[in-house]
Amino acid sequence: MSNSQGMHSPVEQFEIRALVDLSLGGYDVSFTNSSLFMLLALGVSAVFLVTAMRRSELVPGRMQCPAEIMYEFVAEMVRSNVGNEGRPYFPFIFTLFVFLLFGNMLGLIPYSYTFTSQIIVTFAMAAFVFVGVTVIALFKHGLHFFSFFVPAGAPKVLIPFLIIIEVISYFVRPDRKSTRLNS
């Protein structure tokens, strides 16, 4: 898209363009440049990790070293935030990390597309993780989960205000309190 003087707009690189027009039940489900770069990020990250770890050595080589650094970085982040209780969720967290890392790295290439530049993409991923954490906490702790929103020893007069503050805090900043909940 260029203006009347033939110059390109600086925001043109952020536009979602349909590459293959598709419609399903009256809904537009076209294959877009965003979809393409998500598939590219998935493919490049898979090829990188498979290639890097195909012949794992005791002394890591050029490809194995960055793969192990990524693995250890995410593993340490999970351990420090959730503790050993987070081990079952590590594969999902690592996959999400690598997908976003490679998607953003592909976006650094001139004339490419960064799918995380669209708020709906980042919102959908964040909402999925948020709902997942909440569902896991509910299954793990049952109705005791809701006691998280009432601080221990709070005066009964302040409880309605504290619940509002804690609910807002939970939506804005879900942290390890929501998954640990000391029983």
C-alpha atoms as a PDB file:
ATOM      1  CA  MET A   1       0.000   0.000   0.000  1.00  0.00           C
ATOM      2  CA  SER A   2       1.584   3.223  -1.099  1.00  0.00           C
ATOM      3  CA  ASN A   3       0.373   6.775  -0.919  1.00  0.00           C
ATOM      4  CA  SER A   4      -0.146   9.150  -3.855  1.00  0.00           C
ATOM      5  CA  GLN A   5       3.601   9.874  -4.006  1.00  0.00           C
ATOM      6  CA  GLY A   6       4.512   6.177  -4.301  1.00  0.00           C
ATOM      7  CA  MET A   7       5.913   5.941  -0.757  1.00  0.00           C
ATOM      8  CA  HIS A   8       5.138   2.988   1.467  1.00  0.00           C
ATOM      9  CA  SER A   9       3.515   3.344   4.861  1.00  0.00           C
ATOM     10  CA  PRO A  10       5.668   2.346   7.858  1.00  0.00           C
ATOM     11  CA  VAL A  11       2.742   0.398   9.351  1.00  0.00           C
ATOM     12  CA  GLU A  12       2.240  -1.631   6.196  1.00  0.00           C
ATOM     13  CA  GLN A  13       4.411  -4.408   7.615  1.00  0.00           C
ATOM     14  CA  PHE A  14       1.883  -4.982  10.415  1.00  0.00           C
ATOM     15  CA  GLU A  15      -1.132  -5.541   8.166  1.00  0.00           C
ATOM     16  CA  ILE A  16      -2.679  -8.979   8.059  1.00  0.00           C
ATOM     17  CA  ARG A  17      -3.156 -10.058   4.454  1.00  0.00           C
ATOM     18  CA  ALA A  18      -5.061 -13.084   3.237  1.00  0.00           C
ATOM     19  CA  LEU A  19      -2.805 -15.357   1.238  1.00  0.00           C
ATOM     20  CA  VAL A  20      -5.513 -17.969   0.539  1.00  0.00           C
ATOM     21  CA  ASP A  21      -9.123 -16.811   0.814  1.00  0.00           C
ATOM     22  CA  LEU A  22     -11.262 -19.363   2.644  1.00  0.00           C
ATOM     23  CA  SER A  23     -14.777 -19.205   4.020  1.00  0.00           C
ATOM     24  CA  LEU A  24     -16.398 -21.743   6.332  1.00  0.00           C
ATOM     25  CA  GLY A  25     -20.047 -21.372   7.324  1.00  0.00           C
ATOM     26  CA  GLY A  26     -20.022 -17.684   6.494  1.00  0.00           C
ATOM     27  CA  TYR A  27     -16.861 -17.052   8.546  1.00  0.00           C
ATOM     28  CA  ASP A  28     -13.603 -15.845   7.060  1.00  0.00           C
ATOM     29  CA  VAL A  29     -10.980 -18.495   7.864  1.00  0.00           C
ATOM     30  CA  SER A  30      -8.422 -17.362   5.306  1.00  0.00           C
ATOM     31  CA  PHE A  31      -4.807 -18.450   5.494  1.00  0.00           C
ATOM     32  CA  THR A  32      -2.959 -15.206   6.248  1.00  0.00           C
ATOM     33  CA  ASN A  33       0.595 -13.937   6.488  1.00  0.00           C
ATOM     34  CA  SER A  34       0.199 -14.287  10.263  1.00  0.00           C
ATOM     35  CA  SER A  35      -0.704 -17.973   9.866  1.00  0.00           C
ATOM     36  CA  LEU A  36       2.218 -18.475   7.514  1.00  0.00           C
ATOM     37  CA  PHE A  37       4.725 -16.979   9.942  1.00  0.00           C
ATOM     38  CA  MET A  38       3.286 -19.025  12.813  1.00  0.00           C
ATOM     39  CA  LEU A  39       3.860 -22.166  10.755  1.00  0.00           C
ATOM     40  CA  LEU A  40       7.346 -20.939   9.838  1.00  0.00           C
ATOM     41  CA  ALA A  41       8.157 -20.333  13.519  1.00  0.00           C
ATOM     42  CA  LEU A  42       6.889 -23.789  14.366  1.00  0.00           C
ATOM     43  CA  GLY A  43       8.879 -25.387  11.549  1.00  0.00           C
ATOM     44  CA  VAL A  44      12.125 -23.501  12.124  1.00  0.00           C
ATOM     45  CA  SER A  45      12.043 -24.145  15.877  1.00  0.00           C
ATOM     46  CA  ALA A  46      11.297 -27.852  15.364  1.00  0.00           C
ATOM     47  CA  VAL A  47      14.082 -28.235  12.795  1.00  0.00           C
ATOM     48  CA  PHE A  48      16.500 -26.359  15.061  1.00  0.00           C
ATOM     49  CA  LEU A  49      15.735 -28.435  18.172  1.00  0.00           C
ATOM     50  CA  VAL A  50      15.700 -31.776  16.348  1.00  0.00           C
ATOM     51  CA  THR A  51      18.958 -30.954  14.563  1.00  0.00           C
ATOM     52  CA  ALA A  52      20.611 -29.597  17.706  1.00  0.00           C
ATOM     53  CA  MET A  53      19.721 -32.574  19.874  1.00  0.00           C
ATOM     54  CA  ARG A  54      19.986 -35.357  17.273  1.00  0.00           C
ATOM     55  CA  ARG A  55      23.445 -36.385  18.422  1.00  0.00           C
ATOM     56  CA  SER A  56      23.657 -35.034  21.939  1.00  0.00           C
ATOM     57  CA  GLU A  57      27.211 -34.987  23.204  1.00  0.00           C
ATOM     58  CA  LEU A  58      28.614 -34.666  26.702  1.00  0.00           C
ATOM     59  CA  VAL A  59      30.438 -31.532  25.539  1.00  0.00           C
ATOM     60  CA  PRO A  60      27.802 -29.597  23.557  1.00  0.00           C
ATOM     61  CA  GLY A  61      28.588 -28.419  20.066  1.00  0.00           C
ATOM     62  CA  ARG A  62      27.551 -25.248  18.228  1.00  0.00           C
ATOM     63  CA  MET A  63      23.914 -26.258  17.799  1.00  0.00           C
ATOM     64  CA  GLN A  64      23.458 -28.223  21.009  1.00  0.00           C
ATOM     65  CA  CYS A  65      24.711 -25.423  23.265  1.00  0.00           C
ATOM     66  CA  PRO A  66      21.981 -22.840  22.477  1.00  0.00           C
ATOM     67  CA  ALA A  67      19.310 -25.557  22.631  1.00  0.00           C
ATOM     68  CA  GLU A  68      20.486 -26.604  26.093  1.00  0.00           C
ATOM     69  CA  ILE A  69      20.737 -22.970  27.213  1.00  0.00           C
ATOM     70  CA  MET A  70      17.109 -22.381  26.178  1.00  0.00           C
ATOM     71  CA  TYR A  71      16.045 -25.571  27.959  1.00  0.00           C
ATOM     72  CA  GLU A  72      17.892 -24.672  31.169  1.00  0.00           C
ATOM     73  CA  PHE A  73      16.652 -21.072  31.086  1.00  0.00           C
ATOM     74  CA  VAL A  74      13.013 -22.166  30.957  1.00  0.00           C
ATOM     75  CA  ALA A  75      13.550 -25.025  33.432  1.00  0.00           C
ATOM     76  CA  GLU A  76      15.121 -22.646  35.962  1.00  0.00           C
ATOM     77  CA  MET A  77      12.345 -20.108  35.446  1.00  0.00           C
ATOM     78  CA  VAL A  78       9.715 -22.795  36.132  1.00  0.00           C
ATOM     79  CA  ARG A  79      11.618 -24.101  39.182  1.00  0.00           C
ATOM     80  CA  SER A  80      12.074 -20.636  40.681  1.00  0.00           C
ATOM     81  CA  ASN A  81       8.437 -19.607  40.152  1.00  0.00           C
ATOM     82  CA  VAL A  82       6.488 -22.806  40.781  1.00  0.00           C
ATOM     83  CA  GLY A  83       8.990 -25.194  42.331  1.00  0.00           C
ATOM     84  CA  ASN A  84       9.030 -28.894  41.551  1.00  0.00           C
ATOM     85  CA  GLU A  85       5.230 -28.856  41.276  1.00  0.00           C
ATOM     86  CA  GLY A  86       5.673 -27.175  37.890  1.00  0.00           C
ATOM     87  CA  ARG A  87       7.503 -30.102  36.260  1.00  0.00           C
ATOM     88  CA  PRO A  88       4.385 -31.550  34.583  1.00  0.00           C
ATOM     89  CA  TYR A  89       3.770 -28.185  32.873  1.00  0.00           C
ATOM     90  CA  PHE A  90       7.343 -27.676  31.685  1.00  0.00           C
ATOM     91  CA  PRO A  91       6.814 -29.120  28.172  1.00  0.00           C
ATOM     92  CA  PHE A  92       3.959 -26.686  27.503  1.00  0.00           C
ATOM     93  CA  ILE A  93       5.877 -23.705  28.905  1.00  0.00           C
ATOM     94  CA  PHE A  94       9.017 -24.628  26.955  1.00  0.00           C
ATOM     95  CA  THR A  95       7.033 -25.064  23.733  1.00  0.00           C
ATOM     96  CA  LEU A  96       5.336 -21.704  24.184  1.00  0.00           C
ATOM     97  CA  PHE A  97       8.672 -20.026  24.941  1.00  0.00           C
ATOM     98  CA  VAL A  98      10.408 -21.494  21.878  1.00  0.00           C
ATOM     99  CA  PHE A  99       7.430 -20.713  19.608  1.00  0.00           C
ATOM    100  CA  LEU A 100       7.371 -17.065  20.697  1.00  0.00           C
ATOM    101  CA  LEU A 101      11.165 -16.761  20.602  1.00  0.00           C
ATOM    102  CA  PHE A 102      11.426 -18.044  17.041  1.00  0.00           C
ATOM    103  CA  GLY A 103       8.361 -16.061  15.943  1.00  0.00           C
ATOM    104  CA  ASN A 104       9.928 -12.856  17.216  1.00  0.00           C
ATOM    105  CA  MET A 105      13.341 -13.747  15.776  1.00  0.00           C
ATOM    106  CA  LEU A 106      11.776 -14.354  12.348  1.00  0.00           C
ATOM    107  CA  GLY A 107      10.150 -10.932  12.686  1.00  0.00           C
ATOM    108  CA  LEU A 108      13.599  -9.347  12.892  1.00  0.00           C
ATOM    109  CA  ILE A 109      14.284 -10.324   9.286  1.00  0.00           C
ATOM    110  CA  PRO A 110      13.605  -7.348   6.995  1.00  0.00           C
ATOM    111  CA  TYR A 111      10.268  -7.521   5.115  1.00  0.00           C
ATOM    112  CA  SER A 112       9.055 -10.406   7.245  1.00  0.00           C
ATOM    113  CA  TYR A 113       6.075 -10.419   9.603  1.00  0.00           C
ATOM    114  CA  THR A 114       5.937 -10.645  13.391  1.00  0.00           C
ATOM    115  CA  PHE A 115       2.713 -12.388  14.365  1.00  0.00           C
ATOM    116  CA  THR A 116       2.990 -11.186  17.953  1.00  0.00           C
ATOM    117  CA  SER A 117       2.519  -7.617  16.674  1.00  0.00           C
ATOM    118  CA  GLN A 118      -1.221  -8.368  16.561  1.00  0.00           C
ATOM    119  CA  ILE A 119      -2.865  -7.925  19.960  1.00  0.00           C
ATOM    120  CA  ILE A 120      -5.353 -10.719  19.271  1.00  0.00           C
ATOM    121  CA  VAL A 121      -2.527 -13.255  18.948  1.00  0.00           C
ATOM    122  CA  THR A 122      -0.892 -12.287  22.234  1.00  0.00           C
ATOM    123  CA  PHE A 123      -4.294 -11.959  23.930  1.00  0.00           C
ATOM    124  CA  ALA A 124      -5.408 -15.417  22.764  1.00  0.00           C
ATOM    125  CA  MET A 125      -2.209 -17.051  24.023  1.00  0.00           C
ATOM    126  CA  ALA A 126      -2.334 -15.173  27.329  1.00  0.00           C
ATOM    127  CA  ALA A 127      -6.035 -16.003  27.806  1.00  0.00           C
ATOM    128  CA  PHE A 128      -5.362 -19.679  27.101  1.00  0.00           C
ATOM    129  CA  VAL A 129      -2.588 -19.769  29.713  1.00  0.00           C
ATOM    130  CA  PHE A 130      -4.652 -17.765  32.227  1.00  0.00           C
ATOM    131  CA  VAL A 131      -7.695 -20.043  31.885  1.00  0.00           C
ATOM    132  CA  GLY A 132      -5.431 -23.097  32.042  1.00  0.00           C
ATOM    133  CA  VAL A 133      -3.776 -21.943  35.279  1.00  0.00           C
ATOM    134  CA  THR A 134      -7.165 -21.168  36.819  1.00  0.00           C
ATOM    135  CA  VAL A 135      -8.658 -24.547  35.820  1.00  0.00           C
ATOM    136  CA  ILE A 136      -5.601 -26.407  37.148  1.00  0.00           C
ATOM    137  CA  ALA A 137      -5.827 -24.468  40.432  1.00  0.00           C
ATOM    138  CA  LEU A 138      -9.551 -25.273  40.711  1.00  0.00           C
ATOM    139  CA  PHE A 139      -8.971 -28.989  40.072  1.00  0.00           C
ATOM    140  CA  LYS A 140      -6.027 -29.097  42.442  1.00  0.00           C
ATOM    141  CA  HIS A 141      -7.587 -27.148  45.318  1.00  0.00           C
ATOM    142  CA  GLY A 142     -11.336 -27.326  44.710  1.00  0.00           C
ATOM    143  CA  LEU A 143     -13.402 -24.642  46.394  1.00  0.00           C
ATOM    144  CA  HIS A 144     -10.476 -23.885  48.704  1.00  0.00           C
ATOM    145  CA  PHE A 145      -9.054 -22.027  45.685  1.00  0.00           C
ATOM    146  CA  PHE A 146     -11.438 -19.132  46.389  1.00  0.00           C
ATOM    147  CA  SER A 147      -9.912 -18.615  49.853  1.00  0.00           C
ATOM    148  CA  PHE A 148      -7.003 -17.049  47.954  1.00  0.00           C
ATOM    149  CA  PHE A 149      -9.171 -13.970  47.482  1.00  0.00           C
ATOM    150  CA  VAL A 150      -9.677 -13.450  51.238  1.00  0.00           C
ATOM    151  CA  PRO A 151      -6.427 -12.772  53.122  1.00  0.00           C
ATOM    152  CA  ALA A 152      -6.130 -14.617  56.432  1.00  0.00           C
ATOM    153  CA  GLY A 153      -7.036 -12.554  59.475  1.00  0.00           C
ATOM    154  CA  ALA A 154      -8.761  -9.810  57.496  1.00  0.00           C
ATOM    155  CA  PRO A 155     -11.419  -7.825  59.378  1.00  0.00           C
ATOM    156  CA  LYS A 156     -14.908  -8.802  58.214  1.00  0.00           C
ATOM    157  CA  VAL A 157     -15.762  -5.187  57.355  1.00  0.00           C
ATOM    158  CA  LEU A 158     -12.896  -5.044  54.828  1.00  0.00           C
ATOM    159  CA  ILE A 159     -13.555  -8.432  53.204  1.00  0.00           C
ATOM    160  CA  PRO A 160     -15.737  -7.103  50.310  1.00  0.00           C
ATOM    161  CA  PHE A 161     -13.078  -4.519  49.400  1.00  0.00           C
ATOM    162  CA  LEU A 162     -10.225  -6.995  49.776  1.00  0.00           C
ATOM    163  CA  ILE A 163     -12.003  -9.531  47.554  1.00  0.00           C
ATOM    164  CA  ILE A 164     -12.352  -6.885  44.822  1.00  0.00           C
ATOM    165  CA  ILE A 165      -8.674  -5.938  45.129  1.00  0.00           C
ATOM    166  CA  GLU A 166      -7.533  -9.584  45.149  1.00  0.00           C
ATOM    167  CA  VAL A 167      -9.691 -10.487  42.121  1.00  0.00           C
ATOM    168  CA  ILE A 168      -8.298  -7.525  40.170  1.00  0.00           C
ATOM    169  CA  SER A 169      -4.791  -8.528  41.251  1.00  0.00           C
ATOM    170  CA  TYR A 170      -5.434 -12.109  40.114  1.00  0.00           C
ATOM    171  CA  PHE A 171      -6.614 -10.988  36.677  1.00  0.00           C
ATOM    172  CA  VAL A 172      -3.799  -8.500  36.212  1.00  0.00           C
ATOM    173  CA  ARG A 173      -0.931 -10.531  37.603  1.00  0.00           C
ATOM    174  CA  PRO A 174      -1.457 -14.282  37.900  1.00  0.00           C
ATOM    175  CA  ASP A 175       1.553 -15.549  39.804  1.00  0.00           C
ATOM    176  CA  ARG A 176       2.650 -18.574  41.725  1.00  0.00           C
ATOM    177  CA  LYS A 177       0.199 -17.870  44.578  1.00  0.00           C
ATOM    178  CA  SER A 178      -2.639 -19.066  42.368  1.00  0.00           C
ATOM    179  CA  THR A 179      -1.019 -22.402  41.617  1.00  0.00           C
ATOM    180  CA  ARG A 180       0.557 -23.115  44.990  1.00  0.00           C
ATOM    181  CA  LEU A 181      -2.120 -22.185  47.523  1.00  0.00           C
ATOM    182  CA  ASN A 182      -0.688 -23.540  50.731  1.00  0.00           C
ATOM    183  CA  SER A 183      -3.390 -25.773  52.201  1.00  0.00           C
END
